[in-house]
Amino acid sequence: SGPAGPGRARAAADHLIFAANMESLVSALHAVQAVKFGSFVLKSGISSPVYFDLRVIVSHPALMNQVSDLLWKTANNAGVKCSSVCGVPYTALPLATIICSSNGIPMLIRRKEAKDHGTKRMVEGTIIPGEACLIIEDVVTSGSSVLETAQVLRKEGLKVTDAVVLLDREQGGRARLEEDGICLHSVCSLSRLLEILHDQGKLDFDMVENVKTFIRTNASVPVNEMISGSAERLHNQCNVKTHFKEISYCARAQLPATHPIAAEIFKIMEKKQTNLCLAADVTNSKELLQLADSLGSEICILKTHVDILDDFNSDVFTELRAIANKHEFLIFEDRKFADIGNTVKHQYGGGVYKIAQWSDLVNAHVVPGPGVIKGLKEVGMPLKRGCLLIAEMSSEGSLATGDYTKAAVKLAEQHTDFVIGFISSSNISGRSEFVHMTPGVQMQIGVDNLGQQYLSPEEVINKRASDIIIVGRGILSAKDCKEAARIFKKAGWEAYQKRLTSAKN
């Protein structure tokens, strides 16, 4: 589709509405003290800096309706199909009741203990074995309450493959449920809730960091390992195993927090069965257009460097846009913006190249701080564009490592209305809604004479859990560019399928 087609515009509008509703909800939960910060002793005896008591919302009808509506929308956005709904006792019962009565869905009630008289049933309602039942929960920590409910429902012959939760505490529950064949869909994560309250001035930075530290050190199962961008990693060949929820590109496109541009990328990847981005770093416009047309069927994204074209003119990108629509790939201008907000705004929207008019996404360094994102956003958001943050680089001795990389992730999480993911050597965020693109990919691992480090598709996609391989010289220097592109496409896709299979086992 075109750069600002009706489908993308509609998706962008839905995304913004959902984000606004979630921010309103978080503010309301804080106002009624359904979420509290301080020092609280949990049932386990652990002292926690955050406490959730969502039972209080039963006294706030408007808030109950808002929570129920967002739970149901989250399930629908994820493409969940169900014949009945069951709330985990007891806090989720009124939420499930509202969802069912508002949407005409049959409800089931799970008892915490069987009656010692009458039917002695553990599940009340009309049960039709073989049909799918969606579980509703308020908060997931370890996932044990959802698992208990799923076990009871499955004993009655029902299929349980999905659960929707208001808040994911990000302490291992999602991974634990996945091991049992249950996909968890959350309205909001604890990290996102912290960001919203911080942005609203209701939570200071120290408390945010305190809670995040608590999450990392008190997970019920290991959380995903954050990979540093050090040069030594190239030689370690460590097998990065992620523990966040591993789902298909298609499923990630349906997540409510996924940006419309990221969703379009995921859909293209799934449809064309390719996670290959061609780095078309050529200096001649005719060659650029020929490459785009001949290799367009093999790629999901075409990366350009407009400022190295010797014969640039605006007609070139009118033609390139038409080729992108024909072969269904997006255009990514590798501009690497790195100036103050006001300057990048003009570099992006104006000048000779007018990048925002033809490029679906761009990238930026985070050295200038949030101003660079805000400047780009002013131009890009009205045009339904997206931005990748450069969190790691593939050159030997790169300084984009450690705290720099963490800062890039934090900035992305604060600007999800425009930032769609990262340029990185691995999956650095552990969040399914972000796209991770990795440059410097060849069929063999190595380093060239100018310090460019190369990783294989298997290493990048399967072991490091990145999403897209960016390949330039591996294709452009081949005798048969088309055949080389097919080889990389096949290798990248097979690595992705291997990763999905490993996650299920």
Protein backbone atom coordinates (compact mmCIF):
# COMPACT_ATOMS: atom_id res chain seq x y z
CA SER A 1 0.00 0.00 0.00
CA GLY A 2 1.00 3.63 -0.38
CA PRO A 3 2.72 5.72 2.29
CA ALA A 4 -0.50 7.09 3.78
CA GLY A 5 -3.25 4.75 2.58
CA PRO A 6 -6.61 4.48 4.34
CA GLY A 7 -5.68 1.20 6.05
CA ARG A 8 -2.57 2.65 7.64
CA ALA A 9 -4.36 5.88 8.59
CA ARG A 10 -7.12 3.90 10.27
CA ALA A 11 -4.60 1.73 12.12
CA ALA A 12 -2.68 4.81 13.25
CA ALA A 13 -5.88 6.43 14.54
CA ASP A 14 -6.86 3.25 16.41
CA HIS A 15 -3.36 3.04 17.92
CA LEU A 16 -3.51 6.63 19.17
CA ILE A 17 -7.02 6.17 20.59
CA PHE A 18 -5.98 2.99 22.42
CA ALA A 19 -2.85 4.71 23.80
CA ALA A 20 -4.90 7.71 25.00
CA ASN A 21 -7.46 5.42 26.64
CA MET A 22 -4.70 3.48 28.38
CA GLU A 23 -3.08 6.67 29.70
CA SER A 24 -6.47 7.81 31.00
CA LEU A 25 -6.99 4.42 32.64
CA VAL A 26 -3.59 4.41 34.36
CA SER A 27 -4.28 7.90 35.73
CA ALA A 28 -7.68 6.77 37.04
CA LEU A 29 -6.24 3.62 38.68
CA HIS A 30 -3.66 5.76 40.44
CA ALA A 31 -6.34 8.23 41.56
CA VAL A 32 -8.47 5.52 43.25
CA GLN A 33 -5.33 3.91 44.75
CA ALA A 34 -5.67 0.69 42.81
CA VAL A 35 -1.91 1.06 42.35
CA LYS A 36 0.22 2.26 45.26
CA PHE A 37 3.92 3.01 45.70
CA GLY A 38 5.94 2.81 48.90
CA SER A 39 6.93 -0.27 50.89
CA PHE A 40 4.56 -3.24 51.08
CA VAL A 41 5.04 -6.76 52.42
CA LEU A 42 3.60 -9.26 49.95
CA LYS A 43 2.01 -12.64 50.74
CA SER A 44 5.36 -14.24 49.93
CA GLY A 45 7.06 -12.14 52.62
CA ILE A 46 8.98 -10.07 50.04
CA SER A 47 9.03 -6.30 50.49
CA SER A 48 7.75 -4.61 47.32
CA PRO A 49 7.87 -0.92 46.28
CA VAL A 50 4.57 -1.30 44.38
CA TYR A 51 1.23 -2.82 45.30
CA PHE A 52 -1.89 -3.43 43.22
CA ASP A 53 -5.34 -3.65 44.76
CA LEU A 54 -7.71 -3.72 41.81
CA ARG A 55 -10.61 -4.84 44.01
CA VAL A 56 -11.28 -1.18 44.77
CA ILE A 57 -12.51 -0.56 41.21
CA VAL A 58 -15.81 -2.35 41.97
CA SER A 59 -16.83 0.88 43.75
CA HIS A 60 -16.18 2.93 40.61
CA PRO A 61 -18.63 1.88 37.86
CA ALA A 62 -17.21 4.10 35.12
CA LEU A 63 -13.72 2.77 35.79
CA MET A 64 -15.02 -0.81 35.79
CA ASN A 65 -16.55 -0.24 32.37
CA GLN A 66 -13.34 1.34 31.05
CA VAL A 67 -11.20 -1.58 32.26
CA SER A 68 -13.62 -4.14 30.80
CA ASP A 69 -13.74 -2.34 27.46
CA LEU A 70 -9.94 -2.22 27.13
CA LEU A 71 -9.63 -5.88 28.10
CA TRP A 72 -12.08 -6.89 25.37
CA LYS A 73 -10.46 -4.58 22.79
CA THR A 74 -7.06 -6.07 23.60
CA ALA A 75 -8.40 -9.58 22.98
CA ASN A 76 -10.04 -8.49 19.70
CA ASN A 77 -6.92 -6.66 18.50
CA ALA A 78 -4.93 -9.84 19.10
CA GLY A 79 -7.38 -11.82 16.97
CA VAL A 80 -8.56 -14.00 19.85
CA LYS A 81 -11.55 -16.23 19.02
CA CYS A 82 -13.63 -17.63 21.87
CA SER A 83 -17.05 -19.10 22.57
CA SER A 84 -17.09 -18.22 26.27
CA VAL A 85 -15.29 -16.13 28.88
CA CYS A 86 -14.19 -17.01 32.40
CA GLY A 87 -12.86 -14.57 34.97
CA VAL A 88 -10.24 -15.72 37.49
CA PRO A 89 -11.88 -15.59 40.92
CA TYR A 90 -12.47 -13.20 42.47
CA THR A 91 -11.35 -9.76 41.24
CA ALA A 92 -11.79 -10.60 37.56
CA LEU A 93 -15.34 -11.94 37.98
CA PRO A 94 -17.10 -8.54 37.71
CA LEU A 95 -14.87 -7.64 34.75
CA ALA A 96 -15.83 -10.84 32.95
CA THR A 97 -19.49 -10.17 33.76
CA ILE A 98 -19.40 -6.74 32.12
CA ILE A 99 -17.53 -8.06 29.08
CA CYS A 100 -20.05 -10.86 28.57
CA SER A 101 -23.17 -8.77 29.11
CA SER A 102 -21.89 -5.94 26.88
CA ASN A 103 -20.79 -8.20 24.02
CA GLY A 104 -23.29 -11.05 24.18
CA ILE A 105 -20.68 -13.66 25.08
CA PRO A 106 -21.58 -16.66 27.30
CA MET A 107 -19.86 -16.56 30.68
CA LEU A 108 -18.53 -19.38 32.83
CA ILE A 109 -17.77 -19.12 36.55
CA ARG A 110 -14.96 -21.14 38.07
CA ARG A 111 -15.40 -22.03 41.73
CA LYS A 112 -12.41 -21.93 44.03
CA GLU A 113 -13.71 -25.03 45.73
CA ALA A 114 -16.37 -27.58 44.77
CA LYS A 115 -19.72 -27.59 46.56
CA ASP A 116 -20.28 -30.54 48.87
CA HIS A 117 -23.90 -30.81 47.72
CA GLY A 118 -25.95 -30.60 44.53
CA THR A 119 -23.96 -31.03 41.31
CA LYS A 120 -20.61 -30.45 43.08
CA ARG A 121 -19.40 -28.69 39.93
CA MET A 122 -16.18 -26.67 39.74
CA VAL A 123 -17.43 -24.66 36.74
CA GLU A 124 -20.88 -23.07 36.57
CA GLY A 125 -22.58 -22.32 33.25
CA THR A 126 -23.27 -24.14 30.02
CA ILE A 127 -20.15 -26.06 29.01
CA ILE A 128 -19.67 -27.25 25.43
CA PRO A 129 -16.56 -29.48 25.28
CA GLY A 130 -14.14 -28.59 22.50
CA GLU A 131 -15.04 -24.90 22.43
CA ALA A 132 -12.53 -22.16 23.30
CA CYS A 133 -12.79 -20.24 26.57
CA LEU A 134 -10.95 -16.94 27.11
CA ILE A 135 -9.60 -16.30 30.62
CA ILE A 136 -9.86 -12.79 32.09
CA GLU A 137 -7.47 -11.69 34.86
CA ASP A 138 -6.67 -8.39 36.57
CA VAL A 139 -2.95 -8.79 37.35
CA VAL A 140 -0.43 -11.47 36.32
CA THR A 141 2.77 -11.99 38.29
CA SER A 142 3.77 -15.67 38.15
CA GLY A 143 0.72 -16.73 36.15
CA SER A 144 -0.29 -19.34 38.72
CA SER A 145 -3.90 -18.13 39.09
CA VAL A 146 -4.45 -18.24 35.33
CA LEU A 147 -2.88 -21.71 35.17
CA GLU A 148 -5.15 -22.99 37.97
CA THR A 149 -8.22 -21.67 36.15
CA ALA A 150 -7.03 -23.13 32.83
CA GLN A 151 -6.52 -26.52 34.46
CA VAL A 152 -10.08 -26.56 35.81
CA LEU A 153 -11.56 -25.46 32.47
CA ARG A 154 -9.53 -28.01 30.51
CA LYS A 155 -10.76 -30.80 32.79
CA GLU A 156 -14.25 -29.86 31.63
CA GLY A 157 -13.17 -30.42 28.02
CA LEU A 158 -12.72 -26.75 27.08
CA LYS A 159 -9.83 -25.38 25.01
CA VAL A 160 -7.79 -22.66 26.72
CA THR A 161 -5.16 -21.00 24.54
CA ASP A 162 -5.49 -17.33 25.47
CA ALA A 163 -5.76 -15.09 28.52
CA VAL A 164 -6.17 -11.33 28.66
CA VAL A 165 -4.94 -9.34 31.64
CA LEU A 166 -5.17 -5.72 32.64
CA LEU A 167 -1.62 -5.54 34.01
CA ASP A 168 1.39 -7.74 33.36
CA ARG A 169 3.88 -7.29 36.21
CA GLU A 170 6.62 -8.66 33.92
CA GLN A 171 7.90 -11.06 36.54
CA GLY A 172 7.85 -14.25 34.49
CA GLY A 173 4.14 -15.02 34.24
CA ARG A 174 3.99 -14.54 30.47
CA ALA A 175 6.77 -17.08 29.84
CA ARG A 176 5.32 -19.54 32.32
CA LEU A 177 1.90 -19.39 30.63
CA GLU A 178 3.49 -19.81 27.21
CA GLU A 179 5.07 -23.06 28.40
CA ASP A 180 1.53 -24.28 29.11
CA GLY A 181 0.25 -23.26 25.69
CA ILE A 182 -1.46 -20.05 26.83
CA CYS A 183 -0.81 -16.77 25.03
CA LEU A 184 -1.05 -13.80 27.42
CA HIS A 185 -2.43 -10.53 26.02
CA SER A 186 -1.96 -7.54 28.33
CA VAL A 187 -3.64 -4.13 28.23
CA CYS A 188 -0.63 -2.62 30.00
CA SER A 189 2.75 -3.74 31.32
CA LEU A 190 4.17 -2.56 34.61
CA SER A 191 6.99 -0.81 32.70
CA ARG A 192 4.49 1.10 30.58
CA LEU A 193 2.43 2.03 33.65
CA LEU A 194 5.55 3.45 35.29
CA GLU A 195 6.36 5.49 32.17
CA ILE A 196 2.85 6.93 31.98
CA LEU A 197 2.77 7.94 35.65
CA HIS A 198 6.25 9.43 35.37
CA ASP A 199 5.26 11.42 32.26
CA GLN A 200 2.16 12.64 34.11
CA GLY A 201 4.32 13.86 37.00
CA LYS A 202 2.79 11.39 39.47
CA LEU A 203 5.92 9.31 40.00
CA ASP A 204 9.52 10.47 40.36
CA PHE A 205 12.48 8.95 38.56
CA ASP A 206 13.95 7.29 41.66
CA MET A 207 10.74 5.37 42.34
CA VAL A 208 10.52 4.29 38.69
CA GLU A 209 14.05 2.89 38.85
CA ASN A 210 13.37 1.29 42.24
CA VAL A 211 10.36 -0.59 40.87
CA LYS A 212 12.22 -1.65 37.72
CA THR A 213 15.04 -3.03 39.86
CA PHE A 214 12.47 -4.94 41.92
CA ILE A 215 10.98 -6.44 38.73
CA ARG A 216 14.39 -7.60 37.49
CA THR A 217 15.44 -9.17 40.80
CA ASN A 218 12.13 -10.82 41.72
CA ALA A 219 11.05 -12.62 38.57
CA SER A 220 9.35 -15.97 39.05
CA VAL A 221 11.29 -17.24 36.00
CA PRO A 222 14.34 -15.60 34.39
CA VAL A 223 13.53 -12.53 32.32
CA ASN A 224 15.23 -12.05 28.96
CA GLU A 225 18.92 -11.37 29.00
CA MET A 226 19.85 -7.88 27.82
CA ILE A 227 22.76 -8.15 25.44
CA SER A 228 25.47 -5.51 25.50
CA GLY A 229 26.86 -4.20 22.24
CA SER A 230 30.52 -4.88 22.99
CA ALA A 231 32.88 -5.96 20.24
CA GLU A 232 33.83 -9.10 22.18
CA ARG A 233 30.36 -10.49 21.53
CA LEU A 234 31.32 -11.20 17.93
CA HIS A 235 33.87 -13.75 19.06
CA ASN A 236 31.91 -15.20 21.98
CA GLN A 237 29.23 -16.61 19.64
CA CYS A 238 27.03 -16.88 22.70
CA ASN A 239 23.66 -18.50 22.22
CA VAL A 240 21.20 -15.80 23.24
CA LYS A 241 17.99 -17.42 24.48
CA THR A 242 15.14 -15.02 25.06
CA HIS A 243 12.50 -15.73 27.71
CA PHE A 244 9.97 -13.13 26.69
CA LYS A 245 6.85 -14.24 24.84
CA GLU A 246 7.97 -15.49 21.42
CA ILE A 247 5.15 -15.15 18.91
CA SER A 248 4.93 -14.95 15.13
CA TYR A 249 5.38 -11.76 13.12
CA CYS A 250 1.68 -11.96 12.21
CA ALA A 251 0.63 -12.15 15.87
CA ARG A 252 2.94 -9.26 16.76
CA ALA A 253 1.23 -7.14 14.11
CA GLN A 254 -2.04 -7.57 16.03
CA LEU A 255 -0.71 -6.45 19.43
CA PRO A 256 -2.45 -3.23 20.56
CA ALA A 257 0.86 -1.55 21.42
CA THR A 258 2.41 -2.22 17.99
CA HIS A 259 2.88 0.95 15.93
CA PRO A 260 1.03 0.91 12.56
CA ILE A 261 4.31 1.03 10.60
CA ALA A 262 5.73 -1.87 12.64
CA ALA A 263 2.45 -3.76 12.14
CA GLU A 264 2.71 -3.23 8.38
CA ILE A 265 6.30 -4.53 8.39
CA PHE A 266 5.30 -7.65 10.35
CA LYS A 267 2.39 -8.32 7.96
CA ILE A 268 4.60 -7.92 4.88
CA MET A 269 7.22 -10.24 6.40
CA GLU A 270 4.63 -12.92 7.11
CA LYS A 271 2.93 -12.59 3.72
CA LYS A 272 6.15 -12.66 1.67
CA GLN A 273 8.01 -14.96 4.09
CA THR A 274 11.01 -12.69 4.23
CA ASN A 275 12.89 -10.83 6.96
CA LEU A 276 15.44 -9.42 4.53
CA CYS A 277 16.21 -5.72 4.20
CA LEU A 278 18.36 -4.78 1.21
CA ALA A 279 20.95 -2.08 1.92
CA ALA A 280 20.92 -0.45 -1.53
CA ASP A 281 24.03 1.64 -0.89
CA VAL A 282 24.61 2.62 -4.52
CA THR A 283 25.58 5.99 -6.01
CA ASN A 284 23.55 5.87 -9.22
CA SER A 285 19.77 6.44 -9.36
CA LYS A 286 19.23 4.08 -12.28
CA GLU A 287 21.01 1.28 -10.43
CA LEU A 288 18.92 1.98 -7.31
CA LEU A 289 15.67 1.67 -9.25
CA GLN A 290 16.85 -1.46 -11.07
CA LEU A 291 17.82 -3.14 -7.78
CA ALA A 292 14.50 -2.20 -6.17
CA ASP A 293 12.51 -3.63 -9.07
CA SER A 294 14.55 -6.81 -9.57
CA LEU A 295 14.91 -7.69 -5.87
CA GLY A 296 11.67 -6.19 -4.54
CA SER A 297 9.94 -9.58 -4.38
CA GLU A 298 12.61 -10.93 -2.01
CA ILE A 299 12.64 -8.15 0.60
CA CYS A 300 10.44 -6.54 3.23
CA ILE A 301 12.37 -3.25 3.40
CA LEU A 302 14.67 -1.32 1.07
CA LYS A 303 17.32 0.78 2.86
CA THR A 304 18.57 3.86 1.01
CA HIS A 305 21.33 6.45 1.44
CA VAL A 306 19.92 9.35 -0.58
CA ASP A 307 22.89 11.62 0.10
CA ILE A 308 25.35 9.34 -1.74
CA LEU A 309 23.42 9.47 -5.02
CA ASP A 310 25.47 11.41 -7.59
CA ASP A 311 22.44 12.17 -9.76
CA PHE A 312 19.62 12.72 -7.27
CA ASN A 313 16.35 14.24 -8.42
CA SER A 314 12.88 14.07 -6.86
CA ASP A 315 11.47 11.97 -9.72
CA VAL A 316 13.69 9.07 -8.63
CA PHE A 317 11.77 8.67 -5.40
CA THR A 318 8.41 9.02 -7.10
CA GLU A 319 9.46 6.01 -9.18
CA LEU A 320 10.89 4.21 -6.15
CA ARG A 321 7.62 4.73 -4.28
CA ALA A 322 5.72 3.11 -7.16
CA ILE A 323 8.11 0.13 -7.16
CA ALA A 324 7.68 -0.25 -3.39
CA ASN A 325 3.91 -0.36 -3.80
CA LYS A 326 4.21 -2.86 -6.65
CA HIS A 327 6.41 -5.32 -4.74
CA GLU A 328 5.04 -4.58 -1.24
CA PHE A 329 8.08 -3.39 0.67
CA LEU A 330 8.73 -0.29 2.78
CA ILE A 331 11.43 2.33 2.21
CA PHE A 332 13.90 3.10 5.00
CA GLU A 333 16.18 6.12 4.56
CA ASP A 334 19.30 5.45 6.64
CA ARG A 335 19.82 9.13 7.47
CA LYS A 336 21.04 8.66 11.08
CA PHE A 337 19.73 12.01 12.34
CA ALA A 338 21.85 13.30 15.21
CA ASP A 339 21.21 17.02 15.77
CA ILE A 340 18.96 19.21 17.89
CA GLY A 341 15.20 18.98 17.36
CA ASN A 342 14.77 22.12 15.29
CA THR A 343 17.56 21.17 12.90
CA VAL A 344 16.46 17.57 12.31
CA LYS A 345 12.91 18.79 11.72
CA HIS A 346 14.15 20.76 8.70
CA GLN A 347 16.52 18.00 7.57
CA TYR A 348 13.66 15.51 7.62
CA GLY A 349 10.85 17.55 6.10
CA GLY A 350 12.68 20.03 3.87
CA GLY A 351 15.99 20.62 2.15
CA VAL A 352 16.80 19.09 -1.22
CA TYR A 353 15.78 15.55 -0.32
CA LYS A 354 12.42 16.05 1.48
CA ILE A 355 12.89 12.63 3.06
CA ALA A 356 9.57 12.56 4.92
CA GLN A 357 7.66 12.73 1.63
CA TRP A 358 8.84 9.34 0.37
CA SER A 359 10.48 7.33 3.17
CA ASP A 360 8.28 5.17 5.43
CA LEU A 361 10.85 5.15 8.20
CA VAL A 362 14.10 6.79 9.20
CA ASN A 363 16.59 6.34 12.03
CA ALA A 364 18.26 8.54 14.61
CA HIS A 365 21.10 8.51 17.11
CA VAL A 366 20.08 9.14 20.72
CA VAL A 367 23.13 11.30 21.53
CA PRO A 368 21.08 14.57 21.37
CA GLY A 369 18.50 13.18 23.81
CA PRO A 370 14.71 13.26 23.40
CA GLY A 371 14.81 16.49 21.38
CA VAL A 372 15.87 14.62 18.24
CA ILE A 373 12.80 12.37 18.48
CA LYS A 374 10.45 15.26 19.20
CA GLY A 375 11.77 17.19 16.19
CA LEU A 376 11.37 14.24 13.84
CA LYS A 377 7.98 13.42 15.30
CA GLU A 378 6.60 16.87 14.43
CA VAL A 379 7.21 16.11 10.76
CA GLY A 380 6.72 12.34 10.67
CA MET A 381 3.61 11.70 12.73
CA PRO A 382 1.17 13.66 10.50
CA LEU A 383 2.52 11.65 7.54
CA LYS A 384 2.10 8.30 9.38
CA ARG A 385 5.87 7.65 9.45
CA GLY A 386 8.04 5.74 11.93
CA CYS A 387 11.52 5.97 13.41
CA LEU A 388 14.18 3.47 14.50
CA LEU A 389 16.65 4.39 17.24
CA ILE A 390 20.28 3.42 16.73
CA ALA A 391 21.02 1.50 19.92
CA GLU A 392 24.02 -0.52 18.69
CA MET A 393 26.26 -0.39 15.63
CA SER A 394 28.02 -3.14 13.69
CA SER A 395 31.39 -1.38 13.43
CA GLU A 396 34.29 -2.62 15.54
CA GLY A 397 34.94 -0.47 18.62
CA SER A 398 31.52 1.20 18.50
CA LEU A 399 30.72 3.31 21.56
CA ALA A 400 27.00 2.47 21.30
CA THR A 401 27.07 -0.09 24.11
CA GLY A 402 26.00 -0.57 27.73
CA ASP A 403 24.30 2.48 29.26
CA TYR A 404 23.97 4.10 25.84
CA THR A 405 21.97 1.14 24.57
CA LYS A 406 19.80 1.11 27.70
CA ALA A 407 19.12 4.84 27.24
CA ALA A 408 17.99 4.17 23.67
CA VAL A 409 15.51 1.54 24.87
CA LYS A 410 14.18 3.90 27.52
CA LEU A 411 13.66 6.70 24.97
CA ALA A 412 11.86 4.31 22.64
CA GLU A 413 9.52 3.23 25.44
CA GLN A 414 8.71 6.89 26.09
CA HIS A 415 7.89 7.62 22.44
CA THR A 416 5.98 4.58 21.18
CA ASP A 417 3.71 6.84 19.13
CA PHE A 418 6.60 7.38 16.69
CA VAL A 419 9.49 5.04 17.53
CA ILE A 420 8.89 1.57 16.11
CA GLY A 421 12.10 -0.19 17.16
CA PHE A 422 15.88 -0.29 16.93
CA ILE A 423 18.98 -0.71 14.85
CA SER A 424 20.83 -3.20 17.04
CA SER A 425 22.94 -6.35 17.04
CA SER A 426 20.33 -8.31 18.97
CA ASN A 427 16.94 -8.10 20.64
CA ILE A 428 17.68 -5.46 23.26
CA SER A 429 14.16 -4.66 24.48
CA GLY A 430 12.37 -7.99 24.91
CA ARG A 431 9.16 -6.29 23.75
CA SER A 432 7.23 -7.93 20.94
CA GLU A 433 5.82 -4.65 19.60
CA PHE A 434 9.29 -3.30 18.71
CA VAL A 435 11.13 -4.16 15.47
CA HIS A 436 14.83 -5.02 15.79
CA MET A 437 16.91 -4.63 12.60
CA THR A 438 20.50 -5.82 12.47
CA PRO A 439 23.07 -4.56 9.92
CA GLY A 440 26.34 -6.19 8.94
CA VAL A 441 25.00 -9.59 7.87
CA GLN A 442 26.93 -12.05 5.70
CA MET A 443 26.64 -15.81 5.37
CA GLN A 444 29.77 -16.15 7.51
CA ILE A 445 30.78 -14.39 10.74
CA GLY A 446 33.84 -12.13 10.41
CA VAL A 447 35.35 -8.62 10.28
CA ASP A 448 36.44 -6.68 7.18
CA ASN A 449 39.52 -4.46 6.85
CA LEU A 450 37.56 -1.33 7.82
CA GLY A 451 36.22 -2.78 11.06
CA GLN A 452 32.76 -3.80 9.82
CA GLN A 453 31.70 -6.84 11.86
CA TYR A 454 29.62 -9.46 10.08
CA LEU A 455 27.12 -11.90 11.59
CA SER A 456 25.26 -14.74 9.92
CA PRO A 457 21.44 -14.85 9.50
CA GLU A 458 21.32 -17.80 11.93
CA GLU A 459 23.26 -15.86 14.55
CA VAL A 460 21.18 -12.70 14.15
CA ILE A 461 17.65 -14.11 13.87
CA ASN A 462 17.75 -17.33 15.88
CA LYS A 463 20.46 -16.88 18.47
CA ARG A 464 20.19 -13.12 19.04
CA ALA A 465 16.43 -12.92 18.46
CA SER A 466 16.57 -9.92 16.13
CA ASP A 467 13.80 -9.55 13.53
CA ILE A 468 15.31 -8.30 10.27
CA ILE A 469 18.69 -8.86 8.62
CA ILE A 470 20.15 -5.88 6.75
CA VAL A 471 22.32 -7.11 3.89
CA GLY A 472 24.31 -4.92 1.51
CA ARG A 473 27.61 -6.15 0.08
CA GLY A 474 26.63 -9.80 0.52
CA ILE A 475 24.07 -9.21 -2.25
CA LEU A 476 25.43 -6.25 -4.23
CA SER A 477 28.88 -7.79 -4.76
CA ALA A 478 27.50 -11.16 -5.89
CA LYS A 479 27.65 -12.20 -9.54
CA ASP A 480 23.92 -12.91 -9.43
CA CYS A 481 22.24 -10.40 -7.09
CA LYS A 482 18.83 -12.03 -7.45
CA GLU A 483 20.11 -15.46 -6.46
CA ALA A 484 22.13 -13.98 -3.55
CA ALA A 485 19.02 -12.19 -2.28
CA ARG A 486 17.08 -15.47 -2.45
CA ILE A 487 19.78 -17.24 -0.45
CA PHE A 488 19.73 -14.60 2.29
CA LYS A 489 15.93 -14.53 2.28
CA LYS A 490 15.79 -18.32 2.71
CA ALA A 491 18.45 -18.33 5.45
CA GLY A 492 16.77 -15.54 7.39
CA TRP A 493 13.34 -17.12 7.19
CA GLU A 494 14.59 -20.56 8.20
CA ALA A 495 16.35 -19.03 11.23
CA TYR A 496 13.07 -17.33 12.21
CA GLN A 497 11.10 -20.58 11.90
CA LYS A 498 13.76 -22.37 13.96
CA ARG A 499 13.42 -19.72 16.66
CA LEU A 500 9.63 -20.13 16.79
CA THR A 501 9.94 -23.91 16.96
CA SER A 502 12.51 -23.68 19.78
CA ALA A 503 10.17 -21.41 21.75
CA LYS A 504 7.40 -24.02 21.57
CA ASN A 505 9.60 -26.90 22.73
